């Protein structure tokens, strides 16, 4: 049952429910490029993603566009699949992964990806964890008697 009273933040429970449903749906869809344009004043590509996030990448840092005439980037198009950009005038393109690595740093992108992958549990791992919980927790390691710490008498 949803209560329509306003909390201190000014957001109702119904609004929170809508936002949670929207976020759950977004979690299941891959991130795609929704819009892209070249800003000639700042010499950057501005990329808007399906997550409603926007980021900028300096043209000079994009290998295929660095030596292209800035005016040639006025024809940027989003390729089918929405995972890359192409400029027919520059006769080159760039993948979303490359843009993210340039904008945020390759190490950060790899680290974050690894963290998300590590958080996922396999069904077998989840089942084993539940079984261990029923038995009182994680089983102790079998440590040889020679390596055990001796308690002071």
Protein backbone atom coordinates (compact mmCIF):
# COMPACT_ATOMS: atom_id res chain seq x y z
CA UNK A 1 0.00 0.00 0.00
CA UNK A 2 1.43 3.34 -1.05
CA UNK A 3 0.94 6.36 1.19
CA UNK A 4 0.72 9.71 -0.55
CA UNK A 5 2.15 11.82 2.23
CA UNK A 6 5.16 14.01 1.64
CA UNK A 7 8.30 13.19 3.57
CA UNK A 8 10.81 15.75 4.76
CA UNK A 9 12.53 15.64 1.38
CA UNK A 10 9.30 16.57 -0.39
CA UNK A 11 9.11 13.26 -2.27
CA UNK A 12 6.09 11.02 -1.85
CA UNK A 13 6.24 7.26 -1.45
CA UNK A 14 4.51 6.89 -4.81
CA UNK A 15 7.23 8.95 -6.51
CA UNK A 16 9.92 6.81 -4.86
CA UNK A 17 8.16 3.64 -6.09
CA UNK A 18 8.10 5.01 -9.65
CA UNK A 19 11.81 5.88 -9.47
CA UNK A 20 12.71 2.44 -8.12
CA UNK A 21 10.77 0.72 -10.93
CA UNK A 22 12.46 2.95 -13.51
CA UNK A 23 15.90 2.20 -12.04
CA UNK A 24 15.23 -1.56 -12.02
CA UNK A 25 14.30 -1.43 -15.70
CA UNK A 26 17.40 0.60 -16.51
CA UNK A 27 19.62 -1.93 -14.74
CA UNK A 28 18.63 -4.61 -17.25
CA UNK A 29 19.35 -2.58 -20.39
CA UNK A 30 22.84 -2.03 -21.79
CA UNK A 31 24.24 1.49 -21.94
CA UNK A 32 23.92 3.01 -25.41
CA UNK A 33 24.76 6.33 -27.05
CA UNK A 34 21.60 8.43 -27.37
CA UNK A 35 23.06 11.66 -28.75
CA UNK A 36 26.46 13.03 -29.74
CA UNK A 37 27.69 16.34 -31.10
CA UNK A 38 30.95 18.13 -31.66
CA UNK A 39 31.34 21.40 -29.73
CA UNK A 40 33.74 23.45 -31.85
CA UNK A 41 34.11 26.24 -29.25
CA UNK A 42 35.62 23.84 -26.69
CA UNK A 43 36.96 21.28 -29.21
CA UNK A 44 35.20 18.36 -27.47
CA UNK A 45 32.74 15.63 -28.34
CA UNK A 46 29.68 15.74 -26.09
CA UNK A 47 28.09 12.30 -25.66
CA UNK A 48 24.73 11.60 -24.01
CA UNK A 49 24.06 8.03 -22.87
CA UNK A 50 20.88 6.02 -22.36
CA UNK A 51 21.47 6.37 -18.60
CA UNK A 52 20.82 10.13 -19.00
CA UNK A 53 24.50 10.78 -18.22
CA UNK A 54 26.52 13.14 -20.38
CA UNK A 55 30.29 13.32 -20.71
CA UNK A 56 32.82 15.17 -22.84
CA UNK A 57 35.93 13.90 -24.61
CA UNK A 58 38.61 16.21 -26.05
CA UNK A 59 38.84 15.71 -29.83
CA UNK A 60 42.64 15.69 -29.69
CA UNK A 61 42.60 12.55 -27.49
CA UNK A 62 40.52 10.50 -29.97
CA UNK A 63 42.97 8.83 -32.33
CA UNK A 64 40.73 8.86 -35.41
CA UNK A 65 39.55 12.43 -34.93
CA UNK A 66 42.74 14.09 -33.64
CA UNK A 67 44.11 14.96 -37.09
CA UNK A 68 40.75 15.48 -38.77
CA UNK A 69 39.53 18.94 -39.66
CA UNK A 70 37.25 20.05 -36.78
CA UNK A 71 34.60 21.15 -39.32
CA UNK A 72 34.50 17.56 -40.61
CA UNK A 73 33.01 16.38 -37.31
CA UNK A 74 29.74 18.23 -37.89
CA UNK A 75 28.34 15.06 -39.49
CA UNK A 76 28.74 12.73 -36.47
CA UNK A 77 26.29 9.83 -36.64
CA UNK A 78 25.44 7.11 -34.17
CA UNK A 79 25.96 3.68 -35.73
CA UNK A 80 23.28 0.96 -35.55
CA UNK A 81 23.46 -0.65 -32.14
CA UNK A 82 24.22 2.78 -30.63
CA UNK A 83 27.66 1.65 -29.43
CA UNK A 84 29.85 3.76 -31.70
CA UNK A 85 30.09 7.08 -33.55
CA UNK A 86 31.10 7.65 -37.17
CA UNK A 87 32.08 10.70 -39.18
CA UNK A 88 31.90 10.21 -42.95
CA UNK A 89 33.85 13.44 -43.59
CA UNK A 90 36.68 12.36 -41.27
CA UNK A 91 36.27 8.76 -42.55
CA UNK A 92 36.78 7.40 -39.05
CA UNK A 93 34.84 6.36 -35.97
CA UNK A 94 35.14 5.60 -32.29
CA UNK A 95 33.58 2.98 -29.99
CA UNK A 96 31.74 3.83 -26.77
CA UNK A 97 34.30 1.79 -24.80
CA UNK A 98 37.11 3.89 -26.28
CA UNK A 99 35.31 7.13 -25.41
CA UNK A 100 34.83 5.98 -21.81
CA UNK A 101 38.46 4.90 -21.50
CA UNK A 102 39.65 8.27 -22.85
CA UNK A 103 37.27 10.31 -20.69
CA UNK A 104 37.68 8.46 -17.40
CA UNK A 105 40.96 6.58 -17.79
CA UNK A 106 41.42 3.00 -18.89
CA UNK A 107 42.47 1.79 -15.43
CA UNK A 108 39.34 3.24 -13.81
CA UNK A 109 37.06 1.67 -16.41
CA UNK A 110 38.73 -1.73 -15.98
CA UNK A 111 38.70 -1.50 -12.18
CA UNK A 112 35.02 -0.58 -12.02
CA UNK A 113 34.16 -3.35 -14.50
CA UNK A 114 36.05 -5.89 -12.42
CA UNK A 115 34.32 -4.76 -9.24
CA UNK A 116 30.88 -5.14 -10.79
CA UNK A 117 31.77 -8.57 -12.16
CA UNK A 118 33.11 -9.69 -8.78
CA UNK A 119 29.86 -8.73 -7.03
CA UNK A 120 27.83 -11.12 -9.12
CA UNK A 121 27.20 -14.52 -7.65
CA UNK A 122 26.66 -17.71 -9.56
CA UNK A 123 23.60 -19.78 -8.65
CA UNK A 124 25.94 -22.52 -7.39
CA UNK A 125 27.82 -20.05 -5.19
CA UNK A 126 24.57 -18.70 -3.75
CA UNK A 127 23.32 -22.24 -3.00
CA UNK A 128 26.61 -23.15 -1.31
CA UNK A 129 26.45 -20.01 0.81
CA UNK A 130 22.90 -20.83 1.94
CA UNK A 131 23.92 -24.39 2.84
CA UNK A 132 26.92 -23.16 4.83
CA UNK A 133 24.66 -20.70 6.64
CA UNK A 134 22.36 -23.52 7.71
CA UNK A 135 25.38 -25.35 9.16
CA UNK A 136 26.54 -22.36 11.18
CA UNK A 137 28.63 -20.46 8.67
CA UNK A 138 31.64 -20.93 6.47
CA UNK A 139 33.53 -24.17 7.16
CA UNK A 140 36.94 -23.83 8.78
CA UNK A 141 40.01 -24.54 6.75
CA UNK A 142 41.88 -27.73 7.56
CA UNK A 143 45.18 -26.41 8.87
CA UNK A 144 47.90 -29.00 9.57
CA UNK A 145 48.74 -29.38 13.26
CA UNK A 146 52.30 -28.18 12.61
CA UNK A 147 51.07 -24.77 11.43
CA UNK A 148 48.53 -24.19 14.21
CA UNK A 149 49.38 -21.53 16.78
CA UNK A 150 50.01 -22.98 20.17
CA UNK A 151 48.01 -21.40 22.93
CA UNK A 152 49.83 -20.28 26.04
CA UNK A 153 49.15 -22.52 29.03
